[in-house]
Every structure is written in C-alpha cells, then in structure tokens.
C-alpha cells in the first residue's frame, strides 16, 4: 500500500495536473481513515500536511498566486460560462 506522506513529497516534481488530482483523491481516502481512527474531524483532514502539499503543487501547476483579483477573474469567467451552458441546454 502506498504511503500518502511519501506521495505528497513525490508529487512535488509532477507536471500533470490530472495525475496529481487523482493521487490526491486516493490519498485523502487514506487520510480520512487515519483521522477517523484518531477521532479527528473534517477540519483535520482539510488542514492535513499531506493535503497542504498536494494543494500547493496544484496551485503551482495552475499558475495560481492566491490573489483576490485572480480568484475574482476566474470566478467571473466560470459564472459567465455556466450561464451560457445553461442557456444552451434549456
């Protein structure tokens, strides 16, 4: 069985966003098991060191800098395209 801690370290050299997302999903399942066994909560999973390393890598691959304007621009584009897709469907 793979080690989520080692995976989080190994993924730092990744260049394929979808591969990182799939690995994160598998490892979060393992983290949930660990957290439940220790009586932890959702917050503990959300702020887990493994999760933080994965998210840091995903932000890096996406060129995301965590600026408010960058988020708002992306949010506006998604809202616009979601509305356009809904209009096309119905």
Protein backbone atom coordinates (compact mmCIF):
# COMPACT_ATOMS: atom_id res chain seq x y z
CA UNK A 1 0.00 0.00 0.00
CA UNK A 2 1.34 3.41 -0.91
CA UNK A 3 2.26 5.97 1.70
CA UNK A 4 0.34 9.28 1.40
CA UNK A 5 3.15 11.16 3.13
CA UNK A 6 5.72 9.94 0.61
CA UNK A 7 3.27 10.51 -2.24
CA UNK A 8 2.82 14.14 -1.16
CA UNK A 9 6.58 14.57 -1.29
CA UNK A 10 6.97 12.75 -4.60
CA UNK A 11 4.22 14.73 -6.32
CA UNK A 12 6.21 17.93 -5.88
CA UNK A 13 8.09 17.02 -9.08
CA UNK A 14 4.90 16.33 -11.06
CA UNK A 15 3.87 18.20 -14.19
CA UNK A 16 0.49 16.54 -14.89
CA UNK A 17 -2.34 18.25 -13.03
CA UNK A 18 -4.85 15.43 -13.57
CA UNK A 19 -2.40 12.85 -12.23
CA UNK A 20 -1.89 14.95 -9.11
CA UNK A 21 -5.66 15.29 -8.61
CA UNK A 22 -6.19 11.53 -8.92
CA UNK A 23 -3.38 10.85 -6.44
CA UNK A 24 -4.81 13.42 -4.03
CA UNK A 25 -8.20 11.74 -4.19
CA UNK A 26 -6.72 8.33 -3.37
CA UNK A 27 -4.58 9.72 -0.57
CA UNK A 28 -7.38 11.75 1.02
CA UNK A 29 -9.30 8.49 1.39
CA UNK A 30 -6.33 7.12 3.34
CA UNK A 31 -6.05 10.32 5.38
CA UNK A 32 -9.74 10.04 6.32
CA UNK A 33 -9.11 6.54 7.65
CA UNK A 34 -6.17 7.78 9.73
CA UNK A 35 -8.09 10.78 11.06
CA UNK A 36 -11.17 8.72 11.97
CA UNK A 37 -9.03 6.21 13.85
CA UNK A 38 -7.68 9.12 15.91
CA UNK A 39 -11.11 10.69 16.50
CA UNK A 40 -10.39 13.63 14.21
CA UNK A 41 -12.70 15.83 12.19
CA UNK A 42 -13.25 17.20 8.69
CA UNK A 43 -11.18 20.23 9.63
CA UNK A 44 -8.26 17.96 10.46
CA UNK A 45 -8.48 16.35 7.02
CA UNK A 46 -8.84 19.73 5.30
CA UNK A 47 -5.72 21.08 7.01
CA UNK A 48 -3.67 17.87 6.96
CA UNK A 49 0.00 18.28 5.91
CA UNK A 50 -0.46 15.85 3.01
CA UNK A 51 -3.41 17.88 1.72
CA UNK A 52 -1.43 21.12 2.04
CA UNK A 53 1.45 19.74 -0.03
CA UNK A 54 -0.88 18.49 -2.74
CA UNK A 55 -2.77 21.77 -2.90
CA UNK A 56 0.44 23.74 -3.06
CA UNK A 57 1.50 21.69 -6.06
CA UNK A 58 -1.89 22.07 -7.75
CA UNK A 59 -1.74 25.84 -7.29
CA UNK A 60 1.75 25.86 -8.73
CA UNK A 61 0.72 23.83 -11.78
CA UNK A 62 -2.27 26.13 -12.36
CA UNK A 63 -0.13 29.24 -12.00
CA UNK A 64 -2.35 30.36 -9.13
CA UNK A 65 -0.95 33.01 -6.82
CA UNK A 66 -3.89 33.31 -4.36
CA UNK A 67 -4.55 36.94 -5.23
CA UNK A 68 -8.08 38.21 -4.76
CA UNK A 69 -8.23 39.64 -8.28
CA UNK A 70 -7.06 36.36 -9.81
CA UNK A 71 -9.78 34.48 -7.93
CA UNK A 72 -12.45 37.01 -8.86
CA UNK A 73 -11.46 36.91 -12.54
CA UNK A 74 -11.68 33.10 -12.57
CA UNK A 75 -14.97 33.22 -10.65
CA UNK A 76 -16.49 35.68 -13.13
CA UNK A 77 -15.43 33.55 -16.11
CA UNK A 78 -16.93 30.43 -14.54
CA UNK A 79 -20.19 32.21 -13.75
CA UNK A 80 -20.43 33.52 -17.33
CA UNK A 81 -19.68 30.15 -18.91
CA UNK A 82 -22.01 28.29 -16.54
CA UNK A 83 -24.84 30.64 -17.51
CA UNK A 84 -24.05 30.21 -21.22
CA UNK A 85 -24.08 26.42 -20.85
CA UNK A 86 -27.46 26.57 -19.06
CA UNK A 87 -28.90 28.77 -21.80
CA UNK A 88 -27.79 26.27 -24.43
CA UNK A 89 -29.41 23.38 -22.52
CA UNK A 90 -32.76 24.89 -21.95
